[in-house]
Amino acid sequence: MIIRPEKPEDRAAIRAVTISAFQDHPHSDQTEHLILDRLRKAGALALSLVAEVNGDVAGHIAFSPVTLSDGSKDWYGLGPVSVLPALQGQGIGGALIRQGLDMSRYQAAAGCVVMGDPDLYRKFGFRNDPQFTLKDCAPQYFLTQPLSLPGASGMVTYHPAFYTGADE
């Protein structure tokens, strides 16, 4: 497996992987691929990595800027993260998460937030923190990880690409 930054020629494969990964997910509205399209169009993909297996894109992870109500800067949202269903459970998603967090630290990101399965994301250092909230998200499914600057708090807002154009 090779993890590397996304290239323009990867976009169709990333879209296919993302659609496939979320197709039967019970908490998905099947718009994750559209969110990625809108983030790219807005220039808001801070970090976009693919996992290649045998030369083919098998997984993808995205990080995009989030806004904190306390004004803290350099915080990012992890997601979506996608792995082809036939290859799930083989460590590809975990490798993408670890590499993405390491690169975010290297780029001096202050912290990262994620909405998802707490049992999964706790393995990577994410924790529930009552100092952080996300509108319309049950607190147990919203996790944070300071990467360089502790002390931030507040209401988190993802990039507008997560909220608009769901009917595309």
C-alpha atoms as a PDB file:
ATOM      1  CA  MET A   1       0.000   0.000   0.000  1.00  0.00           C
ATOM      2  CA  ILE A   2       1.161   3.512  -0.863  1.00  0.00           C
ATOM      3  CA  ILE A   3      -0.341   6.631   0.720  1.00  0.00           C
ATOM      4  CA  ARG A   4       0.168   9.813  -1.257  1.00  0.00           C
ATOM      5  CA  PRO A   5      -1.442  13.185  -1.966  1.00  0.00           C
ATOM      6  CA  GLU A   6      -4.377  13.221  -4.351  1.00  0.00           C
ATOM      7  CA  LYS A   7      -3.617  14.023  -7.999  1.00  0.00           C
ATOM      8  CA  PRO A   8      -6.160  15.494 -10.442  1.00  0.00           C
ATOM      9  CA  GLU A   9      -6.283  12.190 -12.328  1.00  0.00           C
ATOM     10  CA  ASP A  10      -7.406  10.432  -9.108  1.00  0.00           C
ATOM     11  CA  ARG A  11     -10.698  12.292  -8.854  1.00  0.00           C
ATOM     12  CA  ALA A  12     -12.887   9.779 -10.698  1.00  0.00           C
ATOM     13  CA  ALA A  13     -11.442   6.906  -8.674  1.00  0.00           C
ATOM     14  CA  ILE A  14     -11.876   8.851  -5.407  1.00  0.00           C
ATOM     15  CA  ARG A  15     -15.487   9.533  -6.327  1.00  0.00           C
ATOM     16  CA  ALA A  16     -16.101   5.838  -7.079  1.00  0.00           C
ATOM     17  CA  VAL A  17     -14.408   4.705  -3.844  1.00  0.00           C
ATOM     18  CA  THR A  18     -16.400   7.238  -1.806  1.00  0.00           C
ATOM     19  CA  ILE A  19     -19.744   6.283  -3.358  1.00  0.00           C
ATOM     20  CA  SER A  20     -19.005   2.598  -2.849  1.00  0.00           C
ATOM     21  CA  ALA A  21     -17.795   3.024   0.733  1.00  0.00           C
ATOM     22  CA  PHE A  22     -20.897   4.902   1.855  1.00  0.00           C
ATOM     23  CA  GLN A  23     -23.479   3.081  -0.288  1.00  0.00           C
ATOM     24  CA  ASP A  24     -24.888   0.923   2.498  1.00  0.00           C
ATOM     25  CA  HIS A  25     -23.764   3.002   5.471  1.00  0.00           C
ATOM     26  CA  PRO A  26     -26.745   3.489   7.817  1.00  0.00           C
ATOM     27  CA  HIS A  27     -25.780   7.053   8.821  1.00  0.00           C
ATOM     28  CA  SER A  28     -25.000   8.346   5.334  1.00  0.00           C
ATOM     29  CA  ASP A  29     -27.199  10.420   3.070  1.00  0.00           C
ATOM     30  CA  GLN A  30     -24.965   9.365   0.134  1.00  0.00           C
ATOM     31  CA  THR A  31     -23.635  12.897  -0.474  1.00  0.00           C
ATOM     32  CA  GLU A  32     -20.035  12.378   0.644  1.00  0.00           C
ATOM     33  CA  HIS A  33     -18.734  12.409  -2.944  1.00  0.00           C
ATOM     34  CA  LEU A  34     -20.620  15.669  -3.553  1.00  0.00           C
ATOM     35  CA  ILE A  35     -19.079  17.198  -0.430  1.00  0.00           C
ATOM     36  CA  LEU A  36     -15.638  16.360  -1.811  1.00  0.00           C
ATOM     37  CA  ASP A  37     -16.536  17.920  -5.174  1.00  0.00           C
ATOM     38  CA  ARG A  38     -17.701  21.114  -3.451  1.00  0.00           C
ATOM     39  CA  LEU A  39     -14.629  21.254  -1.189  1.00  0.00           C
ATOM     40  CA  ARG A  40     -12.355  20.928  -4.242  1.00  0.00           C
ATOM     41  CA  LYS A  41     -14.312  23.564  -6.149  1.00  0.00           C
ATOM     42  CA  ALA A  42     -14.031  25.954  -3.179  1.00  0.00           C
ATOM     43  CA  GLY A  43     -10.301  25.281  -2.782  1.00  0.00           C
ATOM     44  CA  ALA A  44     -11.040  24.016   0.735  1.00  0.00           C
ATOM     45  CA  LEU A  45      -9.352  20.623   0.717  1.00  0.00           C
ATOM     46  CA  ALA A  46      -6.503  21.332   3.115  1.00  0.00           C
ATOM     47  CA  LEU A  47      -5.251  17.764   2.784  1.00  0.00           C
ATOM     48  CA  SER A  48      -6.454  15.004   0.478  1.00  0.00           C
ATOM     49  CA  LEU A  49      -4.696  11.638   0.512  1.00  0.00           C
ATOM     50  CA  VAL A  50      -5.265   8.411  -1.367  1.00  0.00           C
ATOM     51  CA  ALA A  51      -4.233   4.872  -0.514  1.00  0.00           C
ATOM     52  CA  GLU A  52      -3.103   2.872  -3.522  1.00  0.00           C
ATOM     53  CA  VAL A  53      -3.205  -0.900  -3.522  1.00  0.00           C
ATOM     54  CA  ASN A  54      -1.681  -2.609  -6.559  1.00  0.00           C
ATOM     55  CA  GLY A  55      -1.682   0.732  -8.388  1.00  0.00           C
ATOM     56  CA  ASP A  56      -5.385   1.435  -7.846  1.00  0.00           C
ATOM     57  CA  VAL A  57      -7.030   3.920  -5.497  1.00  0.00           C
ATOM     58  CA  ALA A  58      -8.462   1.840  -2.660  1.00  0.00           C
ATOM     59  CA  GLY A  59      -9.055   4.557  -0.083  1.00  0.00           C
ATOM     60  CA  HIS A  60      -9.247   8.301   0.448  1.00  0.00           C
ATOM     61  CA  ILE A  61      -9.232  10.797   3.291  1.00  0.00           C
ATOM     62  CA  ALA A  62      -9.971  14.518   3.330  1.00  0.00           C
ATOM     63  CA  PHE A  63      -9.236  17.292   5.806  1.00  0.00           C
ATOM     64  CA  SER A  64     -10.835  20.714   5.487  1.00  0.00           C
ATOM     65  CA  PRO A  65     -10.796  23.859   7.639  1.00  0.00           C
ATOM     66  CA  VAL A  66     -13.393  24.314  10.366  1.00  0.00           C
ATOM     67  CA  THR A  67     -14.362  27.453  12.238  1.00  0.00           C
ATOM     68  CA  LEU A  68     -14.448  27.634  16.035  1.00  0.00           C
ATOM     69  CA  SER A  69     -16.691  30.166  17.754  1.00  0.00           C
ATOM     70  CA  ASP A  70     -13.836  31.202  20.074  1.00  0.00           C
ATOM     71  CA  GLY A  71     -11.838  32.365  17.028  1.00  0.00           C
ATOM     72  CA  SER A  72      -9.137  29.697  17.312  1.00  0.00           C
ATOM     73  CA  LYS A  73      -7.331  29.210  14.020  1.00  0.00           C
ATOM     74  CA  ASP A  74      -5.854  26.257  12.166  1.00  0.00           C
ATOM     75  CA  TRP A  75      -8.391  23.609  13.166  1.00  0.00           C
ATOM     76  CA  TYR A  76      -9.499  21.026  10.625  1.00  0.00           C
ATOM     77  CA  GLY A  77     -12.255  18.517  10.145  1.00  0.00           C
ATOM     78  CA  LEU A  78     -11.384  14.955   9.198  1.00  0.00           C
ATOM     79  CA  GLY A  79     -13.689  13.424   6.672  1.00  0.00           C
ATOM     80  CA  PRO A  80     -14.945  11.878   4.734  1.00  0.00           C
ATOM     81  CA  VAL A  81     -12.683   8.846   4.901  1.00  0.00           C
ATOM     82  CA  SER A  82     -13.487   6.046   2.456  1.00  0.00           C
ATOM     83  CA  VAL A  83     -12.187   2.563   1.720  1.00  0.00           C
ATOM     84  CA  LEU A  84     -13.493   0.160  -0.895  1.00  0.00           C
ATOM     85  CA  PRO A  85     -15.870  -2.235   0.886  1.00  0.00           C
ATOM     86  CA  ALA A  86     -13.961  -5.328  -0.268  1.00  0.00           C
ATOM     87  CA  LEU A  87     -10.808  -3.942   1.388  1.00  0.00           C
ATOM     88  CA  GLN A  88     -12.306  -2.631   4.620  1.00  0.00           C
ATOM     89  CA  GLY A  89     -10.920  -4.108   7.819  1.00  0.00           C
ATOM     90  CA  GLN A  90      -7.403  -4.417   6.399  1.00  0.00           C
ATOM     91  CA  GLY A  91      -5.942  -1.258   7.967  1.00  0.00           C
ATOM     92  CA  ILE A  92      -6.228   1.053   4.976  1.00  0.00           C
ATOM     93  CA  GLY A  93      -8.529   3.556   6.697  1.00  0.00           C
ATOM     94  CA  GLY A  94      -6.383   3.529   9.824  1.00  0.00           C
ATOM     95  CA  ALA A  95      -3.230   4.143   7.802  1.00  0.00           C
ATOM     96  CA  LEU A  96      -4.914   7.075   6.035  1.00  0.00           C
ATOM     97  CA  ILE A  97      -6.042   8.569   9.360  1.00  0.00           C
ATOM     98  CA  ARG A  98      -2.580   8.210  10.956  1.00  0.00           C
ATOM     99  CA  GLN A  99      -0.799   9.660   7.917  1.00  0.00           C
ATOM    100  CA  GLY A 100      -3.290  12.531   7.661  1.00  0.00           C
ATOM    101  CA  LEU A 101      -2.911  13.419  11.339  1.00  0.00           C
ATOM    102  CA  ASP A 102       0.893  13.203  11.111  1.00  0.00           C
ATOM    103  CA  MET A 103       0.919  15.503   8.076  1.00  0.00           C
ATOM    104  CA  SER A 104      -1.474  17.905   9.816  1.00  0.00           C
ATOM    105  CA  ARG A 105       0.865  18.068  12.830  1.00  0.00           C
ATOM    106  CA  TYR A 106       3.815  18.692  10.521  1.00  0.00           C
ATOM    107  CA  GLN A 107       1.886  21.530   8.851  1.00  0.00           C
ATOM    108  CA  ALA A 108       1.282  23.054  12.330  1.00  0.00           C
ATOM    109  CA  ALA A 109      -2.445  22.393  12.498  1.00  0.00           C
ATOM    110  CA  ALA A 110      -3.762  23.362  15.922  1.00  0.00           C
ATOM    111  CA  GLY A 111      -6.237  20.518  16.080  1.00  0.00           C
ATOM    112  CA  CYS A 112      -8.694  18.259  14.351  1.00  0.00           C
ATOM    113  CA  VAL A 113     -12.348  17.345  14.833  1.00  0.00           C
ATOM    114  CA  VAL A 114     -14.330  14.410  13.530  1.00  0.00           C
ATOM    115  CA  MET A 115     -17.934  13.294  13.580  1.00  0.00           C
ATOM    116  CA  GLY A 116     -18.280   9.537  13.623  1.00  0.00           C
ATOM    117  CA  ASP A 117     -17.914   6.265  15.471  1.00  0.00           C
ATOM    118  CA  PRO A 118     -16.290   7.062  18.831  1.00  0.00           C
ATOM    119  CA  ASP A 119     -14.881   3.537  19.203  1.00  0.00           C
ATOM    120  CA  LEU A 120     -13.046   3.900  15.907  1.00  0.00           C
ATOM    121  CA  TYR A 121     -11.711   7.428  16.305  1.00  0.00           C
ATOM    122  CA  ARG A 122     -10.570   6.991  19.918  1.00  0.00           C
ATOM    123  CA  LYS A 123      -7.965   4.534  18.573  1.00  0.00           C
ATOM    124  CA  PHE A 124      -6.326   7.512  16.859  1.00  0.00           C
ATOM    125  CA  GLY A 125      -6.275   9.847  19.852  1.00  0.00           C
ATOM    126  CA  PHE A 126      -9.629  11.578  19.416  1.00  0.00           C
ATOM    127  CA  ARG A 127     -11.669  12.253  22.549  1.00  0.00           C
ATOM    128  CA  ASN A 128     -15.058  13.640  23.437  1.00  0.00           C
ATOM    129  CA  ASP A 129     -14.575  17.111  24.885  1.00  0.00           C
ATOM    130  CA  PRO A 130     -17.548  19.059  26.253  1.00  0.00           C
ATOM    131  CA  GLN A 131     -15.685  22.269  25.373  1.00  0.00           C
ATOM    132  CA  PHE A 132     -16.466  21.562  21.697  1.00  0.00           C
ATOM    133  CA  THR A 133     -19.925  21.249  20.174  1.00  0.00           C
ATOM    134  CA  LEU A 134     -21.341  20.667  16.715  1.00  0.00           C
ATOM    135  CA  LYS A 135     -24.890  21.735  15.977  1.00  0.00           C
ATOM    136  CA  ASP A 136     -27.322  18.855  15.470  1.00  0.00           C
ATOM    137  CA  CYS A 137     -24.726  16.247  16.459  1.00  0.00           C
ATOM    138  CA  ALA A 138     -25.050  14.063  19.538  1.00  0.00           C
ATOM    139  CA  PRO A 139     -21.992  14.857  21.688  1.00  0.00           C
ATOM    140  CA  GLN A 140     -20.823  11.239  21.877  1.00  0.00           C
ATOM    141  CA  TYR A 141     -20.289  11.232  18.091  1.00  0.00           C
ATOM    142  CA  PHE A 142     -18.258  14.448  17.960  1.00  0.00           C
ATOM    143  CA  LEU A 143     -14.604  14.075  18.900  1.00  0.00           C
ATOM    144  CA  THR A 144     -11.573  16.348  18.978  1.00  0.00           C
ATOM    145  CA  GLN A 145      -7.811  16.104  19.044  1.00  0.00           C
ATOM    146  CA  PRO A 146      -5.541  19.047  19.808  1.00  0.00           C
ATOM    147  CA  LEU A 147      -2.442  18.691  17.629  1.00  0.00           C
ATOM    148  CA  SER A 148      -0.270  21.649  18.611  1.00  0.00           C
ATOM    149  CA  LEU A 149      -2.200  24.280  20.552  1.00  0.00           C
ATOM    150  CA  PRO A 150      -4.461  23.255  23.432  1.00  0.00           C
ATOM    151  CA  GLY A 151      -7.001  25.649  24.853  1.00  0.00           C
ATOM    152  CA  ALA A 152      -9.461  26.040  21.991  1.00  0.00           C
ATOM    153  CA  SER A 153     -13.176  25.555  22.530  1.00  0.00           C
ATOM    154  CA  GLY A 154     -16.594  26.449  21.218  1.00  0.00           C
ATOM    155  CA  MET A 155     -19.146  25.681  18.559  1.00  0.00           C
ATOM    156  CA  VAL A 156     -17.544  24.096  15.491  1.00  0.00           C
ATOM    157  CA  THR A 157     -18.763  24.834  11.989  1.00  0.00           C
ATOM    158  CA  TYR A 158     -17.609  22.775   9.033  1.00  0.00           C
ATOM    159  CA  HIS A 159     -16.973  24.374   5.639  1.00  0.00           C
ATOM    160  CA  PRO A 160     -20.216  25.330   3.810  1.00  0.00           C
ATOM    161  CA  ALA A 161     -19.557  22.496   1.334  1.00  0.00           C
ATOM    162  CA  PHE A 162     -20.850  20.125   4.009  1.00  0.00           C
ATOM    163  CA  TYR A 163     -24.181  21.919   4.247  1.00  0.00           C
ATOM    164  CA  THR A 164     -25.126  23.148   0.778  1.00  0.00           C
ATOM    165  CA  GLY A 165     -26.144  21.655  -2.510  1.00  0.00           C
ATOM    166  CA  ALA A 166     -27.210  18.271  -1.162  1.00  0.00           C
ATOM    167  CA  ASP A 167     -29.631  17.947  -4.090  1.00  0.00           C
ATOM    168  CA  GLU A 168     -26.881  17.869  -6.737  1.00  0.00           C
END
